[in-house]
PDB file of N, CA and C in Angstrom:
ATOM      1  N   MET A   1     153.002  28.107 148.807  1.00  0.00           N
ATOM      2  CA  MET A   1     153.083  27.033 147.481  1.00  0.00           C
ATOM      3  C   MET A   1     151.563  25.776 147.468  1.00  0.00           C
ATOM      4  N   ILE A   2     151.673  25.528 145.710  1.00  0.00           N
ATOM      5  CA  ILE A   2     151.087  24.163 145.790  1.00  0.00           C
ATOM      6  C   ILE A   2     151.546  23.024 145.688  1.00  0.00           C
ATOM      7  N   VAL A   3     150.968  21.947 146.107  1.00  0.00           N
ATOM      8  CA  VAL A   3     151.651  20.601 145.959  1.00  0.00           C
ATOM      9  C   VAL A   3     150.564  19.462 145.762  1.00  0.00           C
ATOM     10  N   ALA A   4     150.893  18.480 145.918  1.00  0.00           N
ATOM     11  CA  ALA A   4     150.244  17.461 145.538  1.00  0.00           C
ATOM     12  C   ALA A   4     149.918  16.695 147.119  1.00  0.00           C
ATOM     13  N   GLN A   5     148.581  16.567 147.419  1.00  0.00           N
ATOM     14  CA  GLN A   5     148.120  15.984 148.525  1.00  0.00           C
ATOM     15  C   GLN A   5     147.868  14.132 148.401  1.00  0.00           C
ATOM     16  N   LEU A   6     148.499  13.470 149.269  1.00  0.00           N
ATOM     17  CA  LEU A   6     148.255  11.990 149.169  1.00  0.00           C
ATOM     18  C   LEU A   6     147.911  11.762 150.462  1.00  0.00           C
ATOM     19  N   THR A   7     147.159   9.950 150.418  1.00  0.00           N
ATOM     20  CA  THR A   7     146.889   9.669 151.493  1.00  0.00           C
ATOM     21  C   THR A   7     148.343   8.725 152.508  1.00  0.00           C
ATOM     22  N   PRO A   8     148.247   8.185 153.496  1.00  0.00           N
ATOM     23  CA  PRO A   8     149.288   7.219 154.044  1.00  0.00           C
ATOM     24  C   PRO A   8     149.663   6.804 153.130  1.00  0.00           C
ATOM     25  N   GLU A   9     148.994   5.963 152.641  1.00  0.00           N
ATOM     26  CA  GLU A   9     149.097   4.473 151.877  1.00  0.00           C
ATOM     27  C   GLU A   9     149.797   4.819 150.532  1.00  0.00           C
ATOM     28  N   GLN A  10     149.132   6.023 150.009  1.00  0.00           N
ATOM     29  CA  GLN A  10     149.858   6.089 148.989  1.00  0.00           C
ATOM     30  C   GLN A  10     151.622   6.928 148.837  1.00  0.00           C
ATOM     31  N   ALA A  11     151.451   7.670 150.146  1.00  0.00           N
ATOM     32  CA  ALA A  11     152.750   8.241 150.054  1.00  0.00           C
ATOM     33  C   ALA A  11     153.938   7.075 150.648  1.00  0.00           C
ATOM     34  N   GLU A  12     153.238   5.875 151.588  1.00  0.00           N
ATOM     35  CA  GLU A  12     154.028   4.457 151.539  1.00  0.00           C
ATOM     36  C   GLU A  12     154.454   3.658 150.172  1.00  0.00           C
ATOM     37  N   GLN A  13     153.856   3.750 149.190  1.00  0.00           N
ATOM     38  CA  GLN A  13     153.438   3.467 147.952  1.00  0.00           C
ATOM     39  C   GLN A  13     154.862   4.063 146.984  1.00  0.00           C
ATOM     40  N   LEU A  14     154.685   5.248 147.529  1.00  0.00           N
ATOM     41  CA  LEU A  14     155.749   5.840 146.272  1.00  0.00           C
ATOM     42  C   LEU A  14     156.979   6.226 147.548  1.00  0.00           C
ATOM     43  N   GLN A  15     157.210   6.407 148.403  1.00  0.00           N
ATOM     44  CA  GLN A  15     158.619   6.185 148.807  1.00  0.00           C
ATOM     45  C   GLN A  15     159.818   5.790 147.851  1.00  0.00           C
ATOM     46  N   GLY A  16     160.732   6.770 148.080  1.00  0.00           N
ATOM     47  CA  GLY A  16     161.906   6.027 146.930  1.00  0.00           C
ATOM     48  C   GLY A  16     161.360   5.324 145.455  1.00  0.00           C
ATOM     49  N   VAL A  17     160.680   5.377 145.447  1.00  0.00           N
ATOM     50  CA  VAL A  17     160.830   5.190 143.498  1.00  0.00           C
ATOM     51  C   VAL A  17     160.955   5.919 142.728  1.00  0.00           C
ATOM     52  N   GLU A  18     161.677   5.270 141.730  1.00  0.00           N
ATOM     53  CA  GLU A  18     161.597   6.881 140.579  1.00  0.00           C
ATOM     54  C   GLU A  18     160.858   7.187 139.773  1.00  0.00           C
ATOM     55  N   PHE A  19     160.387   8.429 139.756  1.00  0.00           N
ATOM     56  CA  PHE A  19     159.853   9.146 138.864  1.00  0.00           C
ATOM     57  C   PHE A  19     160.076   9.269 137.557  1.00  0.00           C
ATOM     58  N   THR A  20     161.700   9.933 137.135  1.00  0.00           N
ATOM     59  CA  THR A  20     162.195  10.476 136.263  1.00  0.00           C
ATOM     60  C   THR A  20     163.605   9.792 136.558  1.00  0.00           C
ATOM     61  N   GLN A  21     164.068   9.938 135.186  1.00  0.00           N
ATOM     62  CA  GLN A  21     165.471   9.164 135.508  1.00  0.00           C
ATOM     63  C   GLN A  21     166.238   9.996 137.110  1.00  0.00           C
ATOM     64  N   ASP A  22     166.879   9.423 137.831  1.00  0.00           N
ATOM     65  CA  ASP A  22     167.769   9.650 138.402  1.00  0.00           C
ATOM     66  C   ASP A  22     167.042  10.599 139.612  1.00  0.00           C
ATOM     67  N   SER A  23     165.825  10.910 139.965  1.00  0.00           N
ATOM     68  CA  SER A  23     164.793  11.690 140.451  1.00  0.00           C
ATOM     69  C   SER A  23     163.675  10.710 141.254  1.00  0.00           C
ATOM     70  N   PHE A  24     163.612  10.523 142.512  1.00  0.00           N
ATOM     71  CA  PHE A  24     163.193   9.799 143.421  1.00  0.00           C
ATOM     72  C   PHE A  24     162.029  10.486 143.795  1.00  0.00           C
ATOM     73  N   PHE A  25     160.366   9.661 144.322  1.00  0.00           N
ATOM     74  CA  PHE A  25     159.344  10.572 145.603  1.00  0.00           C
ATOM     75  C   PHE A  25     160.501  10.653 146.429  1.00  0.00           C
ATOM     76  N   ASN A  26     159.273  11.411 147.395  1.00  0.00           N
ATOM     77  CA  ASN A  26     159.866  11.887 148.712  1.00  0.00           C
ATOM     78  C   ASN A  26     158.944  12.445 149.446  1.00  0.00           C
ATOM     79  N   PRO A  27     158.131  11.822 149.755  1.00  0.00           N
ATOM     80  CA  PRO A  27     156.481  12.404 150.570  1.00  0.00           C
ATOM     81  C   PRO A  27     157.045  13.059 151.468  1.00  0.00           C
ATOM     82  N   ILE A  28     156.455  14.021 151.940  1.00  0.00           N
ATOM     83  CA  ILE A  28     156.700  14.501 153.455  1.00  0.00           C
ATOM     84  C   ILE A  28     155.572  14.762 153.812  1.00  0.00           C
ATOM     85  N   GLN A  29     155.528  15.352 155.064  1.00  0.00           N
ATOM     86  CA  GLN A  29     154.085  15.852 155.811  1.00  0.00           C
ATOM     87  C   GLN A  29     154.063  17.247 156.431  1.00  0.00           C
ATOM     88  N   ASP A  30     152.799  17.965 156.156  1.00  0.00           N
ATOM     89  CA  ASP A  30     153.234  19.262 156.506  1.00  0.00           C
ATOM     90  C   ASP A  30     152.775  19.684 157.391  1.00  0.00           C
ATOM     91  N   LEU A  31     152.311  20.979 157.887  1.00  0.00           N
ATOM     92  CA  LEU A  31     152.113  21.224 159.258  1.00  0.00           C
ATOM     93  C   LEU A  31     150.773  20.515 160.009  1.00  0.00           C
ATOM     94  N   ASN A  32     149.845  19.958 159.228  1.00  0.00           N
ATOM     95  CA  ASN A  32     148.861  19.211 160.057  1.00  0.00           C
ATOM     96  C   ASN A  32     148.932  17.383 159.315  1.00  0.00           C
ATOM     97  N   ASP A  33     150.425  17.196 159.410  1.00  0.00           N
ATOM     98  CA  ASP A  33     150.282  15.911 158.835  1.00  0.00           C
ATOM     99  C   ASP A  33     149.933  15.125 157.752  1.00  0.00           C
ATOM    100  N   VAL A  34     149.569  15.891 156.998  1.00  0.00           N
ATOM    101  CA  VAL A  34     149.136  15.359 155.691  1.00  0.00           C
ATOM    102  C   VAL A  34     150.044  15.198 154.698  1.00  0.00           C
ATOM    103  N   TRP A  35     150.366  14.210 153.989  1.00  0.00           N
ATOM    104  CA  TRP A  35     151.118  13.473 152.865  1.00  0.00           C
ATOM    105  C   TRP A  35     150.925  14.449 151.859  1.00  0.00           C
ATOM    106  N   ILE A  36     152.281  15.056 151.169  1.00  0.00           N
ATOM    107  CA  ILE A  36     152.524  15.441 149.835  1.00  0.00           C
ATOM    108  C   ILE A  36     153.480  15.125 149.206  1.00  0.00           C
ATOM    109  N   ILE A  37     153.775  15.479 148.188  1.00  0.00           N
ATOM    110  CA  ILE A  37     154.613  15.284 147.141  1.00  0.00           C
ATOM    111  C   ILE A  37     154.677  16.824 146.359  1.00  0.00           C
ATOM    112  N   SER A  38     155.801  17.221 145.506  1.00  0.00           N
ATOM    113  CA  SER A  38     155.943  18.420 144.968  1.00  0.00           C
ATOM    114  C   SER A  38     155.334  18.101 143.568  1.00  0.00           C
ATOM    115  N   LEU A  39     154.512  19.259 143.437  1.00  0.00           N
ATOM    116  CA  LEU A  39     154.104  19.467 141.754  1.00  0.00           C
ATOM    117  C   LEU A  39     155.476  19.051 140.566  1.00  0.00           C
ATOM    118  N   GLU A  40     156.589  19.147 140.753  1.00  0.00           N
ATOM    119  CA  GLU A  40     157.641  18.521 139.732  1.00  0.00           C
ATOM    120  C   GLU A  40     157.647  17.120 139.966  1.00  0.00           C
ATOM    121  N   GLU A  41     157.457  16.213 141.122  1.00  0.00           N
ATOM    122  CA  GLU A  41     157.221  15.356 141.396  1.00  0.00           C
ATOM    123  C   GLU A  41     155.737  14.677 140.685  1.00  0.00           C
ATOM    124  N   GLN A  42     154.558  15.201 141.091  1.00  0.00           N
ATOM    125  CA  GLN A  42     153.515  15.163 140.157  1.00  0.00           C
ATOM    126  C   GLN A  42     153.674  15.287 138.606  1.00  0.00           C
ATOM    127  N   GLU A  43     154.223  15.977 138.105  1.00  0.00           N
ATOM    128  CA  GLU A  43     154.095  16.115 136.686  1.00  0.00           C
ATOM    129  C   GLU A  43     155.178  15.631 135.969  1.00  0.00           C
ATOM    130  N   GLN A  44     156.384  15.136 136.150  1.00  0.00           N
ATOM    131  CA  GLN A  44     157.001  14.640 135.732  1.00  0.00           C
ATOM    132  C   GLN A  44     156.968  13.030 135.686  1.00  0.00           C
ATOM    133  N   CYS A  45     156.400  12.160 137.208  1.00  0.00           N
ATOM    134  CA  CYS A  45     156.313  10.972 136.660  1.00  0.00           C
ATOM    135  C   CYS A  45     154.746  10.429 135.602  1.00  0.00           C
ATOM    136  N   THR A  46     155.183   9.056 135.070  1.00  0.00           N
ATOM    137  CA  THR A  46     154.446   8.901 134.376  1.00  0.00           C
ATOM    138  C   THR A  46     153.430   7.806 134.958  1.00  0.00           C
ATOM    139  N   ILE A  47     153.353   7.686 136.564  1.00  0.00           N
ATOM    140  CA  ILE A  47     151.681   7.264 136.978  1.00  0.00           C
ATOM    141  C   ILE A  47     150.822   7.529 137.076  1.00  0.00           C
ATOM    142  N   ASN A  48     149.448   7.073 136.574  1.00  0.00           N
ATOM    143  CA  ASN A  48     148.459   7.555 136.069  1.00  0.00           C
ATOM    144  C   ASN A  48     147.918   8.895 137.335  1.00  0.00           C
ATOM    145  N   TRP A  49     147.651   7.500 138.508  1.00  0.00           N
ATOM    146  CA  TRP A  49     146.448   7.868 139.674  1.00  0.00           C
ATOM    147  C   TRP A  49     147.180   9.323 140.436  1.00  0.00           C
ATOM    148  N   VAL A  50     149.137   9.047 139.795  1.00  0.00           N
ATOM    149  CA  VAL A  50     149.636  10.587 140.825  1.00  0.00           C
ATOM    150  C   VAL A  50     149.142  11.412 139.932  1.00  0.00           C
ATOM    151  N   LYS A  51     149.238  11.654 138.642  1.00  0.00           N
ATOM    152  CA  LYS A  51     148.726  13.396 137.774  1.00  0.00           C
ATOM    153  C   LYS A  51     147.502  13.336 138.087  1.00  0.00           C
ATOM    154  N   ASP A  52     146.429  12.464 138.780  1.00  0.00           N
ATOM    155  CA  ASP A  52     145.324  12.573 139.213  1.00  0.00           C
ATOM    156  C   ASP A  52     144.934  13.123 140.693  1.00  0.00           C
ATOM    157  N   LEU A  53     146.058  13.283 141.813  1.00  0.00           N
ATOM    158  CA  LEU A  53     146.018  13.539 143.405  1.00  0.00           C
ATOM    159  C   LEU A  53     145.226  15.170 143.209  1.00  0.00           C
ATOM    160  N   PRO A  54     144.673  15.538 144.278  1.00  0.00           N
ATOM    161  CA  PRO A  54     144.407  17.135 144.379  1.00  0.00           C
ATOM    162  C   PRO A  54     145.499  17.481 144.724  1.00  0.00           C
ATOM    163  N   ARG A  55     145.569  18.991 144.598  1.00  0.00           N
ATOM    164  CA  ARG A  55     146.449  20.219 145.051  1.00  0.00           C
ATOM    165  C   ARG A  55     146.023  20.916 146.164  1.00  0.00           C
ATOM    166  N   ILE A  56     146.688  20.988 146.705  1.00  0.00           N
ATOM    167  CA  ILE A  56     146.501  21.695 148.101  1.00  0.00           C
ATOM    168  C   ILE A  56     147.821  23.010 148.354  1.00  0.00           C
ATOM    169  N   GLU A  57     147.176  23.612 149.453  1.00  0.00           N
ATOM    170  CA  GLU A  57     148.624  24.558 149.828  1.00  0.00           C
ATOM    171  C   GLU A  57     149.217  24.090 150.773  1.00  0.00           C
ATOM    172  N   TYR A  58     150.496  23.768 150.948  1.00  0.00           N
ATOM    173  CA  TYR A  58     151.634  23.618 151.894  1.00  0.00           C
ATOM    174  C   TYR A  58     151.731  24.197 152.673  1.00  0.00           C
ATOM    175  N   LEU A  59     151.669  23.707 153.809  1.00  0.00           N
ATOM    176  CA  LEU A  59     151.650  24.178 155.006  1.00  0.00           C
ATOM    177  C   LEU A  59     153.218  23.700 156.283  1.00  0.00           C
ATOM    178  N   PRO A  60     154.128  24.354 155.789  1.00  0.00           N
ATOM    179  CA  PRO A  60     155.190  23.855 156.921  1.00  0.00           C
ATOM    180  C   PRO A  60     155.363  23.583 157.962  1.00  0.00           C
ATOM    181  N   LYS A  61     156.034  22.617 158.726  1.00  0.00           N
ATOM    182  CA  LYS A  61     155.991  22.727 159.750  1.00  0.00           C
ATOM    183  C   LYS A  61     157.056  23.553 160.392  1.00  0.00           C
ATOM    184  N   GLU A  62     156.780  24.344 161.470  1.00  0.00           N
ATOM    185  CA  GLU A  62     157.920  25.448 162.020  1.00  0.00           C
ATOM    186  C   GLU A  62     158.968  24.247 162.525  1.00  0.00           C
ATOM    187  N   THR A  63     160.149  25.033 162.103  1.00  0.00           N
ATOM    188  CA  THR A  63     161.217  23.899 162.636  1.00  0.00           C
ATOM    189  C   THR A  63     162.069  25.226 163.738  1.00  0.00           C
ATOM    190  N   THR A  64     162.868  24.619 164.740  1.00  0.00           N
ATOM    191  CA  THR A  64     163.475  25.255 165.711  1.00  0.00           C
ATOM    192  C   THR A  64     164.574  25.065 165.266  1.00  0.00           C
ATOM    193  N   LYS A  65     165.372  26.788 165.623  1.00  0.00           N
ATOM    194  CA  LYS A  65     166.811  26.734 165.230  1.00  0.00           C
ATOM    195  C   LYS A  65     167.696  26.625 166.542  1.00  0.00           C
ATOM    196  N   ILE A  66     168.615  26.094 165.847  1.00  0.00           N
ATOM    197  CA  ILE A  66     169.773  25.697 166.616  1.00  0.00           C
ATOM    198  C   ILE A  66     170.245  26.437 167.023  1.00  0.00           C
ATOM    199  N   LEU A  67     171.309  27.231 168.045  1.00  0.00           N
ATOM    200  CA  LEU A  67     171.937  28.150 168.390  1.00  0.00           C
ATOM    201  C   LEU A  67     173.348  27.965 168.545  1.00  0.00           C
TER     202      LEU A  67
END
Protein backbone atom coordinates (compact mmCIF):
# COMPACT_ATOMS: atom_id res chain seq x y z
CA MET A 1 0.00 0.00 0.00
CA ILE A 2 1.28 3.47 -0.86
CA VAL A 3 1.10 6.24 1.77
CA ALA A 4 2.36 9.80 2.24
CA GLN A 5 5.52 10.29 4.33
CA LEU A 6 5.79 12.93 7.06
CA THR A 7 8.57 14.28 9.22
CA PRO A 8 7.97 14.02 12.99
CA GLU A 9 7.28 17.77 13.05
CA GLN A 10 4.72 17.51 10.25
CA ALA A 11 3.03 14.57 11.99
CA GLU A 12 2.72 16.60 15.19
CA GLN A 13 1.38 19.59 13.24
CA LEU A 14 -1.35 17.51 11.55
CA GLN A 15 -2.44 15.30 14.48
CA GLY A 16 -6.16 15.81 15.06
CA VAL A 17 -6.55 18.48 12.36
CA GLU A 18 -9.70 18.15 10.24
CA PHE A 19 -8.85 17.41 6.58
CA THR A 20 -12.45 17.20 5.38
CA GLN A 21 -15.78 17.52 7.19
CA ASP A 22 -15.79 15.16 10.21
CA SER A 23 -12.52 13.47 9.13
CA PHE A 24 -9.27 14.12 10.97
CA PHE A 25 -5.61 13.46 10.25
CA ASN A 26 -4.25 10.49 12.19
CA PRO A 27 -0.52 10.12 11.49
CA ILE A 28 0.96 6.75 12.46
CA GLN A 29 4.42 5.20 12.35
CA ASP A 30 5.36 2.29 10.12
CA LEU A 31 7.75 -0.60 10.80
CA ASN A 32 10.75 1.74 10.49
CA ASP A 33 9.15 4.43 12.71
CA VAL A 34 8.52 6.66 9.67
CA TRP A 35 5.48 8.90 10.13
CA ILE A 36 2.78 8.46 7.49
CA ILE A 37 -0.77 9.40 6.54
CA SER A 38 -3.08 7.66 4.09
CA LEU A 39 -3.45 8.77 0.50
CA GLU A 40 -7.09 9.54 1.29
CA GLU A 41 -5.96 12.05 3.92
CA GLN A 42 -3.41 13.52 1.50
CA GLU A 43 -5.73 13.79 -1.49
CA GLN A 44 -8.80 15.14 0.32
CA CYS A 45 -7.11 17.88 2.33
CA THR A 46 -6.76 21.51 1.28
CA ILE A 47 -3.30 22.08 2.79
CA ASN A 48 -0.91 22.62 -0.13
CA TRP A 49 2.26 21.23 1.46
CA VAL A 50 0.46 18.00 2.38
CA LYS A 51 -0.38 17.42 -1.29
CA ASP A 52 3.37 17.64 -2.08
CA LEU A 53 4.48 15.01 0.46
CA PRO A 54 6.53 12.11 -0.94
CA ARG A 55 4.83 8.76 -1.32
CA ILE A 56 6.33 5.55 -0.01
CA GLU A 57 5.39 1.90 0.43
CA TYR A 58 3.72 1.26 3.80
CA LEU A 59 5.52 -1.28 5.98
CA PRO A 60 3.15 -2.26 8.80
CA LYS A 61 4.43 -2.94 12.29
CA GLU A 62 4.14 -6.51 13.43
CA THR A 63 1.40 -7.09 15.94
CA THR A 64 1.23 -9.68 18.67
CA LYS A 65 -1.91 -11.78 18.92
CA ILE A 66 -3.40 -12.10 22.36
CA LEU A 67 -4.82 -15.56 22.93
